[in-house]
PDB file of N, CA and C in Angstrom:
ATOM      1  N   MET A   1     -45.079 -29.587  40.986  1.00  0.00           N
ATOM      2  CA  MET A   1     -44.135 -30.041  39.986  1.00  0.00           C
ATOM      3  C   MET A   1     -44.280 -31.531  39.726  1.00  0.00           C
ATOM      4  N   LYS A   2     -44.717 -32.240  40.737  1.00  0.00           N
ATOM      5  CA  LYS A   2     -44.862 -33.678  40.548  1.00  0.00           C
ATOM      6  C   LYS A   2     -45.931 -33.982  39.507  1.00  0.00           C
ATOM      7  N   ALA A   3     -47.042 -33.267  39.558  1.00  0.00           N
ATOM      8  CA  ALA A   3     -48.120 -33.529  38.609  1.00  0.00           C
ATOM      9  C   ALA A   3     -47.748 -33.114  37.188  1.00  0.00           C
ATOM     10  N   ASP A   4     -47.088 -31.983  37.037  1.00  0.00           N
ATOM     11  CA  ASP A   4     -46.773 -31.474  35.704  1.00  0.00           C
ATOM     12  C   ASP A   4     -45.522 -32.083  35.095  1.00  0.00           C
ATOM     13  N   LEU A   5     -44.476 -32.260  35.900  1.00  0.00           N
ATOM     14  CA  LEU A   5     -43.197 -32.691  35.355  1.00  0.00           C
ATOM     15  C   LEU A   5     -42.723 -34.045  35.856  1.00  0.00           C
ATOM     16  N   GLY A   6     -43.371 -34.561  36.869  1.00  0.00           N
ATOM     17  CA  GLY A   6     -42.935 -35.813  37.458  1.00  0.00           C
ATOM     18  C   GLY A   6     -41.729 -35.646  38.371  1.00  0.00           C
ATOM     19  N   ILE A   7     -41.520 -34.425  38.843  1.00  0.00           N
ATOM     20  CA  ILE A   7     -40.389 -34.142  39.735  1.00  0.00           C
ATOM     21  C   ILE A   7     -40.879 -34.234  41.163  1.00  0.00           C
ATOM     22  N   GLY A   8     -40.358 -35.207  41.893  1.00  0.00           N
ATOM     23  CA  GLY A   8     -40.761 -35.426  43.273  1.00  0.00           C
ATOM     24  C   GLY A   8     -39.962 -34.584  44.250  1.00  0.00           C
ATOM     25  N   ALA A   9     -40.209 -34.823  45.525  1.00  0.00           N
ATOM     26  CA  ALA A   9     -39.559 -34.050  46.583  1.00  0.00           C
ATOM     27  C   ALA A   9     -38.046 -34.260  46.595  1.00  0.00           C
ATOM     28  N   ALA A  10     -37.586 -35.482  46.359  1.00  0.00           N
ATOM     29  CA  ALA A  10     -36.146 -35.756  46.360  1.00  0.00           C
ATOM     30  C   ALA A  10     -35.448 -35.041  45.204  1.00  0.00           C
ATOM     31  N   ALA A  11     -36.066 -35.057  44.029  1.00  0.00           N
ATOM     32  CA  ALA A  11     -35.480 -34.366  42.875  1.00  0.00           C
ATOM     33  C   ALA A  11     -35.474 -32.859  43.099  1.00  0.00           C
ATOM     34  N   TYR A  12     -36.525 -32.330  43.712  1.00  0.00           N
ATOM     35  CA  TYR A  12     -36.559 -30.899  44.010  1.00  0.00           C
ATOM     36  C   TYR A  12     -35.473 -30.535  45.025  1.00  0.00           C
ATOM     37  N   GLY A  13     -35.281 -31.394  46.007  1.00  0.00           N
ATOM     38  CA  GLY A  13     -34.218 -31.161  46.989  1.00  0.00           C
ATOM     39  C   GLY A  13     -32.845 -31.169  46.352  1.00  0.00           C
ATOM     40  N   LEU A  14     -32.614 -32.083  45.423  1.00  0.00           N
ATOM     41  CA  LEU A  14     -31.337 -32.114  44.707  1.00  0.00           C
ATOM     42  C   LEU A  14     -31.154 -30.844  43.886  1.00  0.00           C
ATOM     43  N   GLY A  15     -32.214 -30.392  43.243  1.00  0.00           N
ATOM     44  CA  GLY A  15     -32.148 -29.150  42.477  1.00  0.00           C
ATOM     45  C   GLY A  15     -31.827 -27.956  43.363  1.00  0.00           C
ATOM     46  N   SER A  16     -32.400 -27.930  44.545  1.00  0.00           N
ATOM     47  CA  SER A  16     -32.088 -26.857  45.489  1.00  0.00           C
ATOM     48  C   SER A  16     -30.631 -26.913  45.912  1.00  0.00           C
ATOM     49  N   GLY A  17     -30.124 -28.107  46.145  1.00  0.00           N
ATOM     50  CA  GLY A  17     -28.727 -28.266  46.506  1.00  0.00           C
ATOM     51  C   GLY A  17     -27.797 -27.849  45.381  1.00  0.00           C
ATOM     52  N   LEU A  18     -28.160 -28.151  44.144  1.00  0.00           N
ATOM     53  CA  LEU A  18     -27.338 -27.752  43.001  1.00  0.00           C
ATOM     54  C   LEU A  18     -27.273 -26.232  42.872  1.00  0.00           C
ATOM     55  N   PHE A  19     -28.365 -25.561  43.214  1.00  0.00           N
ATOM     56  CA  PHE A  19     -28.364 -24.103  43.218  1.00  0.00           C
ATOM     57  C   PHE A  19     -27.272 -23.582  44.154  1.00  0.00           C
ATOM     58  N   PHE A  20     -27.224 -24.099  45.365  1.00  0.00           N
ATOM     59  CA  PHE A  20     -26.252 -23.615  46.342  1.00  0.00           C
ATOM     60  C   PHE A  20     -24.822 -24.010  45.987  1.00  0.00           C
ATOM     61  N   ILE A  21     -24.649 -25.141  45.316  1.00  0.00           N
ATOM     62  CA  ILE A  21     -23.311 -25.522  44.862  1.00  0.00           C
ATOM     63  C   ILE A  21     -22.817 -24.520  43.814  1.00  0.00           C
ATOM     64  N   GLY A  22     -23.666 -24.208  42.845  1.00  0.00           N
ATOM     65  CA  GLY A  22     -23.294 -23.212  41.837  1.00  0.00           C
ATOM     66  C   GLY A  22     -23.030 -21.853  42.446  1.00  0.00           C
ATOM     67  N   TYR A  23     -23.854 -21.475  43.406  1.00  0.00           N
ATOM     68  CA  TYR A  23     -23.684 -20.186  44.084  1.00  0.00           C
ATOM     69  C   TYR A  23     -22.358 -20.146  44.829  1.00  0.00           C
ATOM     70  N   ALA A  24     -22.056 -21.193  45.574  1.00  0.00           N
ATOM     71  CA  ALA A  24     -20.828 -21.225  46.377  1.00  0.00           C
ATOM     72  C   ALA A  24     -19.575 -21.285  45.498  1.00  0.00           C
ATOM     73  N   LEU A  25     -19.625 -22.045  44.415  1.00  0.00           N
ATOM     74  CA  LEU A  25     -18.456 -22.171  43.542  1.00  0.00           C
ATOM     75  C   LEU A  25     -18.103 -20.873  42.824  1.00  0.00           C
ATOM     76  N   PHE A  26     -19.111 -20.077  42.490  1.00  0.00           N
ATOM     77  CA  PHE A  26     -18.875 -18.897  41.671  1.00  0.00           C
ATOM     78  C   PHE A  26     -18.983 -17.586  42.434  1.00  0.00           C
ATOM     79  N   GLU A  27     -19.144 -17.639  43.744  1.00  0.00           N
ATOM     80  CA  GLU A  27     -19.232 -16.402  44.535  1.00  0.00           C
ATOM     81  C   GLU A  27     -17.930 -15.610  44.471  1.00  0.00           C
ATOM     82  N   VAL A  28     -16.813 -16.234  44.758  1.00  0.00           N
ATOM     83  CA  VAL A  28     -15.525 -15.537  44.759  1.00  0.00           C
ATOM     84  C   VAL A  28     -15.126 -15.100  43.346  1.00  0.00           C
ATOM     85  N   PRO A  29     -15.179 -15.963  42.332  1.00  0.00           N
ATOM     86  CA  PRO A  29     -14.836 -15.488  40.985  1.00  0.00           C
ATOM     87  C   PRO A  29     -15.716 -14.328  40.520  1.00  0.00           C
ATOM     88  N   SER A  30     -16.975 -14.349  40.899  1.00  0.00           N
ATOM     89  CA  SER A  30     -17.866 -13.260  40.521  1.00  0.00           C
ATOM     90  C   SER A  30     -17.419 -11.946  41.141  1.00  0.00           C
ATOM     91  N   ASN A  31     -16.987 -11.998  42.390  1.00  0.00           N
ATOM     92  CA  ASN A  31     -16.547 -10.767  43.045  1.00  0.00           C
ATOM     93  C   ASN A  31     -15.185 -10.301  42.540  1.00  0.00           C
ATOM     94  N   VAL A  32     -14.340 -11.219  42.133  1.00  0.00           N
ATOM     95  CA  VAL A  32     -13.062 -10.831  41.523  1.00  0.00           C
ATOM     96  C   VAL A  32     -13.331 -10.107  40.204  1.00  0.00           C
ATOM     97  N   LEU A  33     -14.255 -10.641  39.415  1.00  0.00           N
ATOM     98  CA  LEU A  33     -14.601  -9.996  38.147  1.00  0.00           C
ATOM     99  C   LEU A  33     -15.295  -8.658  38.370  1.00  0.00           C
ATOM    100  N   MET A  34     -16.050  -8.543  39.470  1.00  0.00           N
ATOM    101  CA  MET A  34     -16.685  -7.264  39.783  1.00  0.00           C
ATOM    102  C   MET A  34     -15.624  -6.202  40.062  1.00  0.00           C
ATOM    103  N   GLN A  35     -14.556  -6.585  40.737  1.00  0.00           N
ATOM    104  CA  GLN A  35     -13.462  -5.643  40.983  1.00  0.00           C
ATOM    105  C   GLN A  35     -12.832  -5.196  39.662  1.00  0.00           C
ATOM    106  N   LYS A  36     -12.756  -6.107  38.698  1.00  0.00           N
ATOM    107  CA  LYS A  36     -12.134  -5.810  37.411  1.00  0.00           C
ATOM    108  C   LYS A  36     -13.017  -4.908  36.547  1.00  0.00           C
ATOM    109  N   TYR A  37     -14.322  -5.209  36.466  1.00  0.00           N
ATOM    110  CA  TYR A  37     -15.217  -4.499  35.558  1.00  0.00           C
ATOM    111  C   TYR A  37     -16.015  -3.380  36.212  1.00  0.00           C
ATOM    112  N   GLY A  38     -16.014  -3.325  37.529  1.00  0.00           N
ATOM    113  CA  GLY A  38     -16.780  -2.296  38.228  1.00  0.00           C
ATOM    114  C   GLY A  38     -18.115  -2.837  38.706  1.00  0.00           C
ATOM    115  N   ALA A  39     -18.562  -2.301  39.814  1.00  0.00           N
ATOM    116  CA  ALA A  39     -19.790  -2.806  40.434  1.00  0.00           C
ATOM    117  C   ALA A  39     -21.018  -2.563  39.563  1.00  0.00           C
ATOM    118  N   ARG A  40     -21.113  -1.392  38.951  1.00  0.00           N
ATOM    119  CA  ARG A  40     -22.307  -1.082  38.161  1.00  0.00           C
ATOM    120  C   ARG A  40     -22.467  -2.030  36.980  1.00  0.00           C
ATOM    121  N   ALA A  41     -21.399  -2.238  36.233  1.00  0.00           N
ATOM    122  CA  ALA A  41     -21.469  -3.132  35.074  1.00  0.00           C
ATOM    123  C   ALA A  41     -21.695  -4.576  35.512  1.00  0.00           C
ATOM    124  N   TRP A  42     -21.028  -4.992  36.584  1.00  0.00           N
ATOM    125  CA  TRP A  42     -21.136  -6.388  36.994  1.00  0.00           C
ATOM    126  C   TRP A  42     -22.507  -6.698  37.590  1.00  0.00           C
ATOM    127  N   LEU A  43     -23.073  -5.773  38.359  1.00  0.00           N
ATOM    128  CA  LEU A  43     -24.421  -5.993  38.894  1.00  0.00           C
ATOM    129  C   LEU A  43     -25.450  -6.016  37.761  1.00  0.00           C
ATOM    130  N   THR A  44     -25.213  -5.227  36.730  1.00  0.00           N
ATOM    131  CA  THR A  44     -26.096  -5.275  35.554  1.00  0.00           C
ATOM    132  C   THR A  44     -26.021  -6.645  34.898  1.00  0.00           C
ATOM    133  N   ARG A  45     -24.804  -7.201  34.767  1.00  0.00           N
ATOM    134  CA  ARG A  45     -24.640  -8.543  34.205  1.00  0.00           C
ATOM    135  C   ARG A  45     -25.333  -9.575  35.064  1.00  0.00           C
ATOM    136  N   ILE A  46     -25.178  -9.467  36.375  1.00  0.00           N
ATOM    137  CA  ILE A  46     -25.811 -10.434  37.278  1.00  0.00           C
ATOM    138  C   ILE A  46     -27.327 -10.399  37.116  1.00  0.00           C
ATOM    139  N   MET A  47     -27.902  -9.204  37.136  1.00  0.00           N
ATOM    140  CA  MET A  47     -29.357  -9.102  37.034  1.00  0.00           C
ATOM    141  C   MET A  47     -29.865  -9.596  35.681  1.00  0.00           C
ATOM    142  N   GLY A  48     -29.122  -9.323  34.623  1.00  0.00           N
ATOM    143  CA  GLY A  48     -29.534  -9.786  33.294  1.00  0.00           C
ATOM    144  C   GLY A  48     -29.523 -11.300  33.171  1.00  0.00           C
ATOM    145  N   THR A  49     -28.410 -11.918  33.554  1.00  0.00           N
ATOM    146  CA  THR A  49     -28.341 -13.380  33.444  1.00  0.00           C
ATOM    147  C   THR A  49     -29.273 -14.057  34.441  1.00  0.00           C
ATOM    148  N   TRP A  50     -29.430 -13.468  35.606  1.00  0.00           N
ATOM    149  CA  TRP A  50     -30.364 -13.998  36.597  1.00  0.00           C
ATOM    150  C   TRP A  50     -31.780 -14.008  36.015  1.00  0.00           C
ATOM    151  N   GLY A  51     -32.175 -12.923  35.368  1.00  0.00           N
ATOM    152  CA  GLY A  51     -33.507 -12.850  34.767  1.00  0.00           C
ATOM    153  C   GLY A  51     -33.702 -13.835  33.625  1.00  0.00           C
ATOM    154  N   VAL A  52     -32.680 -13.985  32.792  1.00  0.00           N
ATOM    155  CA  VAL A  52     -32.779 -14.914  31.659  1.00  0.00           C
ATOM    156  C   VAL A  52     -32.921 -16.352  32.151  1.00  0.00           C
ATOM    157  N   VAL A  53     -32.099 -16.735  33.125  1.00  0.00           N
ATOM    158  CA  VAL A  53     -32.157 -18.112  33.638  1.00  0.00           C
ATOM    159  C   VAL A  53     -33.466 -18.336  34.397  1.00  0.00           C
ATOM    160  N   ALA A  54     -33.909 -17.353  35.160  1.00  0.00           N
ATOM    161  CA  ALA A  54     -35.177 -17.496  35.879  1.00  0.00           C
ATOM    162  C   ALA A  54     -36.342 -17.644  34.895  1.00  0.00           C
ATOM    163  N   ALA A  55     -36.306 -16.891  33.798  1.00  0.00           N
ATOM    164  CA  ALA A  55     -37.349 -17.020  32.778  1.00  0.00           C
ATOM    165  C   ALA A  55     -37.284 -18.380  32.092  1.00  0.00           C
ATOM    166  N   ALA A  56     -36.074 -18.895  31.912  1.00  0.00           N
ATOM    167  CA  ALA A  56     -35.911 -20.215  31.284  1.00  0.00           C
ATOM    168  C   ALA A  56     -36.482 -21.327  32.157  1.00  0.00           C
ATOM    169  N   MET A  57     -36.614 -21.067  33.464  1.00  0.00           N
ATOM    170  CA  MET A  57     -37.210 -22.073  34.354  1.00  0.00           C
ATOM    171  C   MET A  57     -38.647 -22.394  33.946  1.00  0.00           C
ATOM    172  N   ALA A  58     -39.297 -21.487  33.231  1.00  0.00           N
ATOM    173  CA  ALA A  58     -40.665 -21.738  32.765  1.00  0.00           C
ATOM    174  C   ALA A  58     -40.706 -22.855  31.727  1.00  0.00           C
ATOM    175  N   PHE A  59     -39.587 -23.160  31.120  1.00  0.00           N
ATOM    176  CA  PHE A  59     -39.537 -24.165  30.059  1.00  0.00           C
ATOM    177  C   PHE A  59     -38.947 -25.497  30.507  1.00  0.00           C
ATOM    178  N   VAL A  60     -38.845 -25.702  31.803  1.00  0.00           N
ATOM    179  CA  VAL A  60     -38.338 -26.968  32.332  1.00  0.00           C
ATOM    180  C   VAL A  60     -39.285 -28.089  31.911  1.00  0.00           C
ATOM    181  N   SER A  61     -38.695 -29.166  31.382  1.00  0.00           N
ATOM    182  CA  SER A  61     -39.532 -30.277  30.931  1.00  0.00           C
ATOM    183  C   SER A  61     -39.113 -31.624  31.502  1.00  0.00           C
ATOM    184  N   SER A  62     -37.990 -31.645  32.222  1.00  0.00           N
ATOM    185  CA  SER A  62     -37.513 -32.905  32.793  1.00  0.00           C
ATOM    186  C   SER A  62     -36.661 -32.609  34.021  1.00  0.00           C
ATOM    187  N   GLU A  63     -36.319 -33.662  34.740  1.00  0.00           N
ATOM    188  CA  GLU A  63     -35.449 -33.497  35.903  1.00  0.00           C
ATOM    189  C   GLU A  63     -34.096 -32.934  35.503  1.00  0.00           C
ATOM    190  N   THR A  64     -33.556 -33.417  34.393  1.00  0.00           N
ATOM    191  CA  THR A  64     -32.233 -32.970  33.959  1.00  0.00           C
ATOM    192  C   THR A  64     -32.226 -31.476  33.660  1.00  0.00           C
ATOM    193  N   SER A  65     -33.221 -31.002  32.914  1.00  0.00           N
ATOM    194  CA  SER A  65     -33.264 -29.568  32.618  1.00  0.00           C
ATOM    195  C   SER A  65     -33.492 -28.755  33.887  1.00  0.00           C
ATOM    196  N   PHE A  66     -34.250 -29.295  34.836  1.00  0.00           N
ATOM    197  CA  PHE A  66     -34.442 -28.633  36.124  1.00  0.00           C
ATOM    198  C   PHE A  66     -33.120 -28.518  36.866  1.00  0.00           C
ATOM    199  N   TYR A  67     -32.349 -29.590  36.903  1.00  0.00           N
ATOM    200  CA  TYR A  67     -31.051 -29.581  37.584  1.00  0.00           C
ATOM    201  C   TYR A  67     -30.097 -28.575  36.938  1.00  0.00           C
ATOM    202  N   VAL A  68     -30.024 -28.590  35.625  1.00  0.00           N
ATOM    203  CA  VAL A  68     -29.111 -27.690  34.919  1.00  0.00           C
ATOM    204  C   VAL A  68     -29.492 -26.234  35.167  1.00  0.00           C
ATOM    205  N   LEU A  69     -30.772 -25.929  35.064  1.00  0.00           N
ATOM    206  CA  LEU A  69     -31.195 -24.550  35.253  1.00  0.00           C
ATOM    207  C   LEU A  69     -31.056 -24.089  36.700  1.00  0.00           C
ATOM    208  N   ARG A  70     -31.265 -24.976  37.650  1.00  0.00           N
ATOM    209  CA  ARG A  70     -31.056 -24.587  39.050  1.00  0.00           C
ATOM    210  C   ARG A  70     -29.580 -24.296  39.313  1.00  0.00           C
ATOM    211  N   PHE A  71     -28.686 -25.106  38.754  1.00  0.00           N
ATOM    212  CA  PHE A  71     -27.258 -24.848  38.896  1.00  0.00           C
ATOM    213  C   PHE A  71     -26.898 -23.516  38.240  1.00  0.00           C
ATOM    214  N   LEU A  72     -27.393 -23.285  37.024  1.00  0.00           N
ATOM    215  CA  LEU A  72     -27.106 -22.033  36.326  1.00  0.00           C
ATOM    216  C   LEU A  72     -27.697 -20.827  37.047  1.00  0.00           C
ATOM    217  N   LEU A  73     -28.826 -21.008  37.703  1.00  0.00           N
ATOM    218  CA  LEU A  73     -29.411 -19.921  38.482  1.00  0.00           C
ATOM    219  C   LEU A  73     -28.494 -19.545  39.645  1.00  0.00           C
ATOM    220  N   GLY A  74     -27.916 -20.537  40.283  1.00  0.00           N
ATOM    221  CA  GLY A  74     -26.955 -20.260  41.346  1.00  0.00           C
ATOM    222  C   GLY A  74     -25.716 -19.554  40.820  1.00  0.00           C
ATOM    223  N   VAL A  75     -25.239 -19.976  39.661  1.00  0.00           N
ATOM    224  CA  VAL A  75     -24.072 -19.346  39.044  1.00  0.00           C
ATOM    225  C   VAL A  75     -24.390 -17.896  38.685  1.00  0.00           C
ATOM    226  N   ALA A  76     -25.574 -17.670  38.106  1.00  0.00           N
ATOM    227  CA  ALA A  76     -25.950 -16.313  37.698  1.00  0.00           C
ATOM    228  C   ALA A  76     -26.117 -15.396  38.895  1.00  0.00           C
ATOM    229  N   GLU A  77     -26.631 -15.914  39.993  1.00  0.00           N
ATOM    230  CA  GLU A  77     -26.917 -15.098  41.173  1.00  0.00           C
ATOM    231  C   GLU A  77     -25.689 -14.896  42.052  1.00  0.00           C
ATOM    232  N   ALA A  78     -24.673 -15.686  41.867  1.00  0.00           N
ATOM    233  CA  ALA A  78     -23.476 -15.614  42.715  1.00  0.00           C
ATOM    234  C   ALA A  78     -22.867 -14.223  42.663  1.00  0.00           C
ATOM    235  N   GLY A  79     -22.500 -13.728  43.811  1.00  0.00           N
ATOM    236  CA  GLY A  79     -21.856 -12.432  43.901  1.00  0.00           C
ATOM    237  C   GLY A  79     -22.793 -11.255  44.010  1.00  0.00           C
ATOM    238  N   PHE A  80     -24.106 -11.489  43.958  1.00  0.00           N
ATOM    239  CA  PHE A  80     -25.040 -10.363  43.999  1.00  0.00           C
ATOM    240  C   PHE A  80     -25.008  -9.629  45.340  1.00  0.00           C
ATOM    241  N   PHE A  81     -25.188 -10.354  46.432  1.00  0.00           N
ATOM    242  CA  PHE A  81     -25.238  -9.690  47.735  1.00  0.00           C
ATOM    243  C   PHE A  81     -23.920  -8.990  48.076  1.00  0.00           C
ATOM    244  N   PRO A  82     -22.763  -9.661  47.961  1.00  0.00           N
ATOM    245  CA  PRO A  82     -21.517  -8.932  48.233  1.00  0.00           C
ATOM    246  C   PRO A  82     -21.303  -7.774  47.260  1.00  0.00           C
ATOM    247  N   GLY A  83     -21.754  -7.935  46.035  1.00  0.00           N
ATOM    248  CA  GLY A  83     -21.619  -6.864  45.059  1.00  0.00           C
ATOM    249  C   GLY A  83     -22.432  -5.643  45.432  1.00  0.00           C
ATOM    250  N   VAL A  84     -23.639  -5.864  45.912  1.00  0.00           N
ATOM    251  CA  VAL A  84     -24.487  -4.745  46.341  1.00  0.00           C
ATOM    252  C   VAL A  84     -23.886  -4.062  47.566  1.00  0.00           C
ATOM    253  N   VAL A  85     -23.378  -4.838  48.490  1.00  0.00           N
ATOM    254  CA  VAL A  85     -22.739  -4.255  49.677  1.00  0.00           C
ATOM    255  C   VAL A  85     -21.525  -3.426  49.263  1.00  0.00           C
ATOM    256  N   PHE A  86     -20.713  -3.946  48.345  1.00  0.00           N
ATOM    257  CA  PHE A  86     -19.560  -3.194  47.849  1.00  0.00           C
ATOM    258  C   PHE A  86     -20.010  -1.911  47.153  1.00  0.00           C
ATOM    259  N   TYR A  87     -21.057  -1.994  46.353  1.00  0.00           N
ATOM    260  CA  TYR A  87     -21.571  -0.825  45.631  1.00  0.00           C
ATOM    261  C   TYR A  87     -22.050   0.242  46.611  1.00  0.00           C
ATOM    262  N   PHE A  88     -22.706  -0.170  47.678  1.00  0.00           N
ATOM    263  CA  PHE A  88     -23.147   0.781  48.703  1.00  0.00           C
ATOM    264  C   PHE A  88     -21.957   1.485  49.357  1.00  0.00           C
ATOM    265  N   THR A  89     -20.855   0.778  49.543  1.00  0.00           N
ATOM    266  CA  THR A  89     -19.685   1.412  50.150  1.00  0.00           C
ATOM    267  C   THR A  89     -19.094   2.480  49.232  1.00  0.00           C
ATOM    268  N   GLN A  90     -19.329   2.385  47.937  1.00  0.00           N
ATOM    269  CA  GLN A  90     -18.840   3.391  47.010  1.00  0.00           C
ATOM    270  C   GLN A  90     -19.652   4.676  47.083  1.00  0.00           C
ATOM    271  N   TRP A  91     -20.897   4.581  47.550  1.00  0.00           N
ATOM    272  CA  TRP A  91     -21.760   5.757  47.648  1.00  0.00           C
ATOM    273  C   TRP A  91     -21.398   6.622  48.869  1.00  0.00           C
ATOM    274  N   LEU A  92     -20.957   5.973  49.923  1.00  0.00           N
ATOM    275  CA  LEU A  92     -20.722   6.688  51.169  1.00  0.00           C
ATOM    276  C   LEU A  92     -19.308   7.253  51.201  1.00  0.00           C
ATOM    277  N   PRO A  93     -19.146   8.458  51.749  1.00  0.00           N
ATOM    278  CA  PRO A  93     -17.792   9.015  51.849  1.00  0.00           C
ATOM    279  C   PRO A  93     -16.948   8.238  52.854  1.00  0.00           C
ATOM    280  N   GLN A  94     -15.629   8.322  52.724  1.00  0.00           N
ATOM    281  CA  GLN A  94     -14.732   7.588  53.593  1.00  0.00           C
ATOM    282  C   GLN A  94     -14.842   8.033  55.051  1.00  0.00           C
ATOM    283  N   LYS A  95     -15.183   9.278  55.301  1.00  0.00           N
ATOM    284  CA  LYS A  95     -15.334   9.779  56.666  1.00  0.00           C
ATOM    285  C   LYS A  95     -16.532   9.151  57.282  1.00  0.00           C
TER     286      LYS A  95
END
C-alpha cells in the first residue's frame, strides 16, 4: 500500500483500529435490529453491505478514503458472528 497509495504502517494501523471501533459501536444495535427484522433478513443485509464496502476498498485512493472505508467495513460486519450463532439456535429444537 505504501508504494501504490502512500499509506504507511502507522496509517494502516489506524485504519485497522477504525475497523474495530466501527465494529464495537454497531455490534449491539445490529443485533437489536436483527431481533426486529429476523435473522435471515438481517444476515442477508450484513452480507450485502459487507460485500459492497469490501468491493469499494478496491477504489481507495487516499488515507482518508481508506479510513472511511475501514470504519464502514466494521459497521457493515458488526453483528455477523452473534447473528449466525442466533440463527443456528433457531435450527435446533429446544430439547
